[in-house]
Amino acid sequence: MYTLLGPHGPYPSDTPGALGGHRRLRIYGRLDCPAALRAPARGGYAAHRVFFADEAAALATGYRPCAVCSRPAYRAWRARRPG
């Protein structure tokens, strides 16, 4: 059983998440993201790791796309930001 994060909070799932994220930074990206794979070496990362079923769930929970592994989605997100 896996725990995924959705718009209404965490929920159990029989399938693993397709995307990972960082709870404190509120960033999501691919599970094979080079930046995310380097992060555990800096320490403290695992405690803040969350998983999402898809991009829609990540966006609905207020997370932004990773600028490293999801550059097109990040640029679109950034263009929608005010100011």
PDB file of N, CA and C in Angstrom:
ATOM      1  N   MET A   1       0.854  -1.177   0.000  1.00  0.00           N
ATOM      2  CA  MET A   1       0.000   0.000   0.000  1.00  0.00           C
ATOM      3  C   MET A   1       0.903   1.244   0.000  1.00  0.00           C
ATOM      4  N   TYR A   2       0.499   2.229  -0.788  1.00  0.00           N
ATOM      5  CA  TYR A   2       1.233   3.484  -0.911  1.00  0.00           C
ATOM      6  C   TYR A   2       0.364   4.624  -0.383  1.00  0.00           C
ATOM      7  N   THR A   3       0.991   5.686   0.041  1.00  0.00           N
ATOM      8  CA  THR A   3       0.262   6.879   0.464  1.00  0.00           C
ATOM      9  C   THR A   3       0.566   8.003  -0.521  1.00  0.00           C
ATOM     10  N   LEU A   4      -0.476   8.508  -1.148  1.00  0.00           N
ATOM     11  CA  LEU A   4      -0.346   9.603  -2.109  1.00  0.00           C
ATOM     12  C   LEU A   4      -0.994  10.854  -1.533  1.00  0.00           C
ATOM     13  N   LEU A   5      -0.576  12.002  -2.025  1.00  0.00           N
ATOM     14  CA  LEU A   5      -1.142  13.268  -1.593  1.00  0.00           C
ATOM     15  C   LEU A   5      -2.067  13.789  -2.678  1.00  0.00           C
ATOM     16  N   GLY A   6      -3.258  14.177  -2.281  1.00  0.00           N
ATOM     17  CA  GLY A   6      -4.230  14.730  -3.217  1.00  0.00           C
ATOM     18  C   GLY A   6      -4.810  16.015  -2.661  1.00  0.00           C
ATOM     19  N   PRO A   7      -5.747  16.628  -3.369  1.00  0.00           N
ATOM     20  CA  PRO A   7      -6.325  17.905  -2.942  1.00  0.00           C
ATOM     21  C   PRO A   7      -6.982  17.860  -1.563  1.00  0.00           C
ATOM     22  N   HIS A   8      -7.416  16.673  -1.138  1.00  0.00           N
ATOM     23  CA  HIS A   8      -8.091  16.542   0.158  1.00  0.00           C
ATOM     24  C   HIS A   8      -7.200  15.884   1.196  1.00  0.00           C
ATOM     25  N   GLY A   9      -5.896  15.849   0.947  1.00  0.00           N
ATOM     26  CA  GLY A   9      -4.952  15.284   1.897  1.00  0.00           C
ATOM     27  C   GLY A   9      -4.425  13.931   1.454  1.00  0.00           C
ATOM     28  N   PRO A  10      -3.695  13.262   2.339  1.00  0.00           N
ATOM     29  CA  PRO A  10      -3.121  11.956   1.999  1.00  0.00           C
ATOM     30  C   PRO A  10      -4.204  10.898   1.874  1.00  0.00           C
ATOM     31  N   TYR A  11      -3.959   9.920   0.997  1.00  0.00           N
ATOM     32  CA  TYR A  11      -4.899   8.819   0.837  1.00  0.00           C
ATOM     33  C   TYR A  11      -4.138   7.562   0.432  1.00  0.00           C
ATOM     34  N   PRO A  12      -4.651   6.381   0.797  1.00  0.00           N
ATOM     35  CA  PRO A  12      -3.988   5.127   0.434  1.00  0.00           C
ATOM     36  C   PRO A  12      -4.229   4.785  -1.035  1.00  0.00           C
ATOM     37  N   SER A  13      -3.242   4.139  -1.643  1.00  0.00           N
ATOM     38  CA  SER A  13      -3.350   3.750  -3.048  1.00  0.00           C
ATOM     39  C   SER A  13      -2.673   2.394  -3.247  1.00  0.00           C
ATOM     40  N   ASP A  14      -3.228   1.599  -4.129  1.00  0.00           N
ATOM     41  CA  ASP A  14      -2.613   0.315  -4.472  1.00  0.00           C
ATOM     42  C   ASP A  14      -1.466   0.486  -5.447  1.00  0.00           C
ATOM     43  N   THR A  15      -1.403   1.642  -6.116  1.00  0.00           N
ATOM     44  CA  THR A  15      -0.335   1.896  -7.081  1.00  0.00           C
ATOM     45  C   THR A  15       0.567   3.022  -6.586  1.00  0.00           C
ATOM     46  N   PRO A  16       1.848   2.941  -6.904  1.00  0.00           N
ATOM     47  CA  PRO A  16       2.756   4.008  -6.458  1.00  0.00           C
ATOM     48  C   PRO A  16       2.487   5.310  -7.199  1.00  0.00           C
ATOM     49  N   GLY A  17       2.956   6.391  -6.646  1.00  0.00           N
ATOM     50  CA  GLY A  17       2.793   7.692  -7.278  1.00  0.00           C
ATOM     51  C   GLY A  17       3.635   7.815  -8.538  1.00  0.00           C
ATOM     52  N   ALA A  18       3.164   8.599  -9.481  1.00  0.00           N
ATOM     53  CA  ALA A  18       3.889   8.826 -10.731  1.00  0.00           C
ATOM     54  C   ALA A  18       4.874   9.986 -10.593  1.00  0.00           C
ATOM     55  N   LEU A  19       4.637  10.860  -9.605  1.00  0.00           N
ATOM     56  CA  LEU A  19       5.479  12.033  -9.377  1.00  0.00           C
ATOM     57  C   LEU A  19       5.824  12.134  -7.898  1.00  0.00           C
ATOM     58  N   GLY A  20       6.969  12.719  -7.613  1.00  0.00           N
ATOM     59  CA  GLY A  20       7.371  12.944  -6.233  1.00  0.00           C
ATOM     60  C   GLY A  20       7.434  14.426  -5.949  1.00  0.00           C
ATOM     61  N   GLY A  21       7.435  14.768  -4.680  1.00  0.00           N
ATOM     62  CA  GLY A  21       7.513  16.172  -4.309  1.00  0.00           C
ATOM     63  C   GLY A  21       8.185  16.367  -2.975  1.00  0.00           C
ATOM     64  N   HIS A  22       8.428  17.623  -2.639  1.00  0.00           N
ATOM     65  CA  HIS A  22       9.028  18.007  -1.369  1.00  0.00           C
ATOM     66  C   HIS A  22       8.012  18.862  -0.623  1.00  0.00           C
ATOM     67  N   ARG A  23       7.590  18.363   0.521  1.00  0.00           N
ATOM     68  CA  ARG A  23       6.506  18.997   1.291  1.00  0.00           C
ATOM     69  C   ARG A  23       6.832  20.438   1.694  1.00  0.00           C
ATOM     70  N   ARG A  24       8.031  20.713   2.144  1.00  0.00           N
ATOM     71  CA  ARG A  24       8.368  22.058   2.602  1.00  0.00           C
ATOM     72  C   ARG A  24       8.563  23.036   1.447  1.00  0.00           C
ATOM     73  N   LEU A  25       9.198  22.574   0.366  1.00  0.00           N
ATOM     74  CA  LEU A  25       9.455  23.456  -0.768  1.00  0.00           C
ATOM     75  C   LEU A  25       8.254  23.570  -1.708  1.00  0.00           C
ATOM     76  N   ARG A  26       7.329  22.617  -1.587  1.00  0.00           N
ATOM     77  CA  ARG A  26       6.114  22.565  -2.415  1.00  0.00           C
ATOM     78  C   ARG A  26       6.450  22.519  -3.904  1.00  0.00           C
ATOM     79  N   ILE A  27       7.391  21.616  -4.225  1.00  0.00           N
ATOM     80  CA  ILE A  27       7.828  21.374  -5.603  1.00  0.00           C
ATOM     81  C   ILE A  27       7.521  19.923  -5.942  1.00  0.00           C
ATOM     82  N   TYR A  28       7.093  19.662  -7.177  1.00  0.00           N
ATOM     83  CA  TYR A  28       6.909  18.275  -7.618  1.00  0.00           C
ATOM     84  C   TYR A  28       7.691  18.054  -8.903  1.00  0.00           C
ATOM     85  N   GLY A  29       8.015  16.806  -9.160  1.00  0.00           N
ATOM     86  CA  GLY A  29       8.736  16.461 -10.387  1.00  0.00           C
ATOM     87  C   GLY A  29       8.769  14.961 -10.604  1.00  0.00           C
ATOM     88  N   ARG A  30       9.497  14.583 -11.640  1.00  0.00           N
ATOM     89  CA  ARG A  30       9.632  13.168 -11.982  1.00  0.00           C
ATOM     90  C   ARG A  30      10.410  12.432 -10.891  1.00  0.00           C
ATOM     91  N   LEU A  31      10.143  11.149 -10.765  1.00  0.00           N
ATOM     92  CA  LEU A  31      10.840  10.345  -9.767  1.00  0.00           C
ATOM     93  C   LEU A  31      12.315  10.174 -10.112  1.00  0.00           C
ATOM     94  N   ASP A  32      12.671  10.320 -11.382  1.00  0.00           N
ATOM     95  CA  ASP A  32      14.069  10.188 -11.799  1.00  0.00           C
ATOM     96  C   ASP A  32      14.757  11.545 -11.987  1.00  0.00           C
ATOM     97  N   CYS A  33      14.204  12.591 -11.413  1.00  0.00           N
ATOM     98  CA  CYS A  33      14.759  13.940 -11.531  1.00  0.00           C
ATOM     99  C   CYS A  33      16.180  13.978 -10.950  1.00  0.00           C
ATOM    100  N   PRO A  34      17.153  14.486 -11.711  1.00  0.00           N
ATOM    101  CA  PRO A  34      18.523  14.566 -11.201  1.00  0.00           C
ATOM    102  C   PRO A  34      18.631  15.377  -9.908  1.00  0.00           C
ATOM    103  N   ALA A  35      17.891  16.459  -9.800  1.00  0.00           N
ATOM    104  CA  ALA A  35      17.941  17.287  -8.585  1.00  0.00           C
ATOM    105  C   ALA A  35      17.394  16.519  -7.386  1.00  0.00           C
ATOM    106  N   ALA A  36      16.298  15.801  -7.572  1.00  0.00           N
ATOM    107  CA  ALA A  36      15.702  15.038  -6.475  1.00  0.00           C
ATOM    108  C   ALA A  36      16.586  13.853  -6.087  1.00  0.00           C
ATOM    109  N   LEU A  37      17.252  13.268  -7.047  1.00  0.00           N
ATOM    110  CA  LEU A  37      18.127  12.141  -6.741  1.00  0.00           C
ATOM    111  C   LEU A  37      19.372  12.588  -5.970  1.00  0.00           C
ATOM    112  N   ARG A  38      19.808  13.813  -6.154  1.00  0.00           N
ATOM    113  CA  ARG A  38      20.962  14.342  -5.412  1.00  0.00           C
ATOM    114  C   ARG A  38      20.572  14.805  -4.004  1.00  0.00           C
ATOM    115  N   ALA A  39      19.319  15.157  -3.795  1.00  0.00           N
ATOM    116  CA  ALA A  39      18.878  15.762  -2.542  1.00  0.00           C
ATOM    117  C   ALA A  39      19.128  14.903  -1.299  1.00  0.00           C
ATOM    118  N   PRO A  40      18.923  13.587  -1.313  1.00  0.00           N
ATOM    119  CA  PRO A  40      19.148  12.810  -0.088  1.00  0.00           C
ATOM    120  C   PRO A  40      20.578  12.919   0.451  1.00  0.00           C
ATOM    121  N   ALA A  41      21.537  13.158  -0.392  1.00  0.00           N
ATOM    122  CA  ALA A  41      22.919  13.294   0.062  1.00  0.00           C
ATOM    123  C   ALA A  41      23.091  14.523   0.960  1.00  0.00           C
ATOM    124  N   ARG A  42      22.224  15.510   0.801  1.00  0.00           N
ATOM    125  CA  ARG A  42      22.291  16.716   1.628  1.00  0.00           C
ATOM    126  C   ARG A  42      21.620  16.515   2.988  1.00  0.00           C
ATOM    127  N   GLY A  43      20.877  15.417   3.131  1.00  0.00           N
ATOM    128  CA  GLY A  43      20.257  15.077   4.416  1.00  0.00           C
ATOM    129  C   GLY A  43      18.874  15.679   4.615  1.00  0.00           C
ATOM    130  N   GLY A  44      18.044  14.970   5.381  1.00  0.00           N
ATOM    131  CA  GLY A  44      16.741  15.472   5.770  1.00  0.00           C
ATOM    132  C   GLY A  44      15.671  15.442   4.703  1.00  0.00           C
ATOM    133  N   TYR A  45      15.970  14.923   3.540  1.00  0.00           N
ATOM    134  CA  TYR A  45      15.022  14.978   2.430  1.00  0.00           C
ATOM    135  C   TYR A  45      13.870  13.993   2.589  1.00  0.00           C
ATOM    136  N   ALA A  46      14.161  12.783   3.024  1.00  0.00           N
ATOM    137  CA  ALA A  46      13.150  11.719   3.077  1.00  0.00           C
ATOM    138  C   ALA A  46      11.950  12.093   3.945  1.00  0.00           C
ATOM    139  N   ALA A  47      12.173  12.834   4.991  1.00  0.00           N
ATOM    140  CA  ALA A  47      11.079  13.214   5.894  1.00  0.00           C
ATOM    141  C   ALA A  47      10.074  14.136   5.221  1.00  0.00           C
ATOM    142  N   HIS A  48      10.473  14.796   4.153  1.00  0.00           N
ATOM    143  CA  HIS A  48       9.602  15.767   3.482  1.00  0.00           C
ATOM    144  C   HIS A  48       9.090  15.273   2.132  1.00  0.00           C
ATOM    145  N   ARG A  49       9.365  14.022   1.789  1.00  0.00           N
ATOM    146  CA  ARG A  49       9.002  13.475   0.486  1.00  0.00           C
ATOM    147  C   ARG A  49       7.524  13.129   0.454  1.00  0.00           C
ATOM    148  N   VAL A  50       6.841  13.513  -0.605  1.00  0.00           N
ATOM    149  CA  VAL A  50       5.440  13.166  -0.843  1.00  0.00           C
ATOM    150  C   VAL A  50       5.323  12.640  -2.273  1.00  0.00           C
ATOM    151  N   PHE A  51       4.222  11.962  -2.562  1.00  0.00           N
ATOM    152  CA  PHE A  51       4.020  11.385  -3.885  1.00  0.00           C
ATOM    153  C   PHE A  51       2.628  11.723  -4.389  1.00  0.00           C
ATOM    154  N   PHE A  52       2.526  11.873  -5.705  1.00  0.00           N
ATOM    155  CA  PHE A  52       1.269  12.244  -6.355  1.00  0.00           C
ATOM    156  C   PHE A  52       0.925  11.239  -7.444  1.00  0.00           C
ATOM    157  N   ALA A  53      -0.366  11.041  -7.664  1.00  0.00           N
ATOM    158  CA  ALA A  53      -0.820  10.151  -8.727  1.00  0.00           C
ATOM    159  C   ALA A  53      -0.495  10.737 -10.097  1.00  0.00           C
ATOM    160  N   ASP A  54      -0.608  12.075 -10.219  1.00  0.00           N
ATOM    161  CA  ASP A  54      -0.383  12.725 -11.506  1.00  0.00           C
ATOM    162  C   ASP A  54      -0.143  14.222 -11.300  1.00  0.00           C
ATOM    163  N   GLU A  55       0.112  14.903 -12.395  1.00  0.00           N
ATOM    164  CA  GLU A  55       0.403  16.336 -12.335  1.00  0.00           C
ATOM    165  C   GLU A  55      -0.801  17.140 -11.841  1.00  0.00           C
ATOM    166  N   ALA A  56      -1.990  16.750 -12.235  1.00  0.00           N
ATOM    167  CA  ALA A  56      -3.193  17.471 -11.793  1.00  0.00           C
ATOM    168  C   ALA A  56      -3.313  17.460 -10.272  1.00  0.00           C
ATOM    169  N   ALA A  57      -3.016  16.331  -9.650  1.00  0.00           N
ATOM    170  CA  ALA A  57      -3.085  16.227  -8.187  1.00  0.00           C
ATOM    171  C   ALA A  57      -2.033  17.117  -7.539  1.00  0.00           C
ATOM    172  N   ALA A  58      -0.835  17.142  -8.102  1.00  0.00           N
ATOM    173  CA  ALA A  58       0.235  17.978  -7.549  1.00  0.00           C
ATOM    174  C   ALA A  58      -0.142  19.456  -7.630  1.00  0.00           C
ATOM    175  N   LEU A  59      -0.648  19.877  -8.772  1.00  0.00           N
ATOM    176  CA  LEU A  59      -1.047  21.275  -8.940  1.00  0.00           C
ATOM    177  C   LEU A  59      -2.221  21.633  -8.027  1.00  0.00           C
ATOM    178  N   ALA A  60      -3.169  20.709  -7.885  1.00  0.00           N
ATOM    179  CA  ALA A  60      -4.355  20.968  -7.061  1.00  0.00           C
ATOM    180  C   ALA A  60      -4.000  21.115  -5.583  1.00  0.00           C
ATOM    181  N   THR A  61      -2.878  20.553  -5.166  1.00  0.00           N
ATOM    182  CA  THR A  61      -2.464  20.675  -3.772  1.00  0.00           C
ATOM    183  C   THR A  61      -1.546  21.868  -3.557  1.00  0.00           C
ATOM    184  N   GLY A  62      -1.302  22.645  -4.607  1.00  0.00           N
ATOM    185  CA  GLY A  62      -0.520  23.867  -4.470  1.00  0.00           C
ATOM    186  C   GLY A  62       0.967  23.713  -4.697  1.00  0.00           C
ATOM    187  N   TYR A  63       1.393  22.609  -5.290  1.00  0.00           N
ATOM    188  CA  TYR A  63       2.808  22.406  -5.594  1.00  0.00           C
ATOM    189  C   TYR A  63       3.121  22.968  -6.970  1.00  0.00           C
ATOM    190  N   ARG A  64       4.371  23.362  -7.169  1.00  0.00           N
ATOM    191  CA  ARG A  64       4.799  23.883  -8.462  1.00  0.00           C
ATOM    192  C   ARG A  64       5.715  22.871  -9.142  1.00  0.00           C
ATOM    193  N   PRO A  65       5.805  22.933 -10.476  1.00  0.00           N
ATOM    194  CA  PRO A  65       6.681  22.016 -11.201  1.00  0.00           C
ATOM    195  C   PRO A  65       8.156  22.297 -10.910  1.00  0.00           C
ATOM    196  N   CYS A  66       8.960  21.254 -10.983  1.00  0.00           N
ATOM    197  CA  CYS A  66      10.409  21.368 -10.814  1.00  0.00           C
ATOM    198  C   CYS A  66      11.006  22.052 -12.045  1.00  0.00           C
ATOM    199  N   ALA A  67      11.912  22.984 -11.819  1.00  0.00           N
ATOM    200  CA  ALA A  67      12.564  23.700 -12.919  1.00  0.00           C
ATOM    201  C   ALA A  67      13.624  22.852 -13.609  1.00  0.00           C
ATOM    202  N   VAL A  68      14.030  21.738 -12.993  1.00  0.00           N
ATOM    203  CA  VAL A  68      15.059  20.877 -13.572  1.00  0.00           C
ATOM    204  C   VAL A  68      14.451  19.813 -14.490  1.00  0.00           C
ATOM    205  N   CYS A  69      13.525  19.027 -13.975  1.00  0.00           N
ATOM    206  CA  CYS A  69      13.008  17.895 -14.753  1.00  0.00           C
ATOM    207  C   CYS A  69      11.699  18.191 -15.474  1.00  0.00           C
ATOM    208  N   SER A  70      11.052  19.272 -15.152  1.00  0.00           N
ATOM    209  CA  SER A  70       9.763  19.623 -15.764  1.00  0.00           C
ATOM    210  C   SER A  70       9.804  21.052 -16.288  1.00  0.00           C
ATOM    211  N   ARG A  71      10.850  21.362 -17.016  1.00  0.00           N
ATOM    212  CA  ARG A  71      11.089  22.738 -17.454  1.00  0.00           C
ATOM    213  C   ARG A  71       9.911  23.359 -18.213  1.00  0.00           C
ATOM    214  N   PRO A  72       9.289  22.686 -19.193  1.00  0.00           N
ATOM    215  CA  PRO A  72       8.151  23.320 -19.883  1.00  0.00           C
ATOM    216  C   PRO A  72       6.989  23.633 -18.932  1.00  0.00           C
ATOM    217  N   ALA A  73       6.686  22.702 -18.031  1.00  0.00           N
ATOM    218  CA  ALA A  73       5.600  22.934 -17.071  1.00  0.00           C
ATOM    219  C   ALA A  73       5.988  24.048 -16.103  1.00  0.00           C
ATOM    220  N   TYR A  74       7.255  24.097 -15.712  1.00  0.00           N
ATOM    221  CA  TYR A  74       7.730  25.156 -14.819  1.00  0.00           C
ATOM    222  C   TYR A  74       7.592  26.526 -15.487  1.00  0.00           C
ATOM    223  N   ARG A  75       7.995  26.615 -16.748  1.00  0.00           N
ATOM    224  CA  ARG A  75       7.892  27.893 -17.467  1.00  0.00           C
ATOM    225  C   ARG A  75       6.435  28.338 -17.584  1.00  0.00           C
ATOM    226  N   ALA A  76       5.545  27.402 -17.872  1.00  0.00           N
ATOM    227  CA  ALA A  76       4.120  27.740 -17.966  1.00  0.00           C
ATOM    228  C   ALA A  76       3.595  28.191 -16.607  1.00  0.00           C
ATOM    229  N   TRP A  77       3.988  27.508 -15.539  1.00  0.00           N
ATOM    230  CA  TRP A  77       3.577  27.880 -14.184  1.00  0.00           C
ATOM    231  C   TRP A  77       4.086  29.283 -13.852  1.00  0.00           C
ATOM    232  N   ARG A  78       5.330  29.536 -14.167  1.00  0.00           N
ATOM    233  CA  ARG A  78       5.946  30.837 -13.870  1.00  0.00           C
ATOM    234  C   ARG A  78       5.262  31.964 -14.648  1.00  0.00           C
ATOM    235  N   ALA A  79       4.885  31.698 -15.889  1.00  0.00           N
ATOM    236  CA  ALA A  79       4.223  32.716 -16.720  1.00  0.00           C
ATOM    237  C   ALA A  79       2.840  33.080 -16.168  1.00  0.00           C
ATOM    238  N   ARG A  80       2.204  32.155 -15.456  1.00  0.00           N
ATOM    239  CA  ARG A  80       0.873  32.410 -14.877  1.00  0.00           C
ATOM    240  C   ARG A  80       0.933  33.161 -13.559  1.00  0.00           C
ATOM    241  N   ARG A  81       2.107  33.244 -12.950  1.00  0.00           N
ATOM    242  CA  ARG A  81       2.235  33.909 -11.653  1.00  0.00           C
ATOM    243  C   ARG A  81       2.100  35.419 -11.809  1.00  0.00           C
ATOM    244  N   PRO A  82       1.379  36.037 -10.882  1.00  0.00           N
ATOM    245  CA  PRO A  82       1.265  37.497 -10.944  1.00  0.00           C
ATOM    246  C   PRO A  82       2.586  38.167 -10.559  1.00  0.00           C
ATOM    247  N   GLY A  83       2.844  39.315 -11.144  1.00  0.00           N
ATOM    248  CA  GLY A  83       3.991  40.135 -10.774  1.00  0.00           C
ATOM    249  C   GLY A  83       5.239  39.623 -11.283  1.00  0.00           C
TER     250      GLY A  83
END
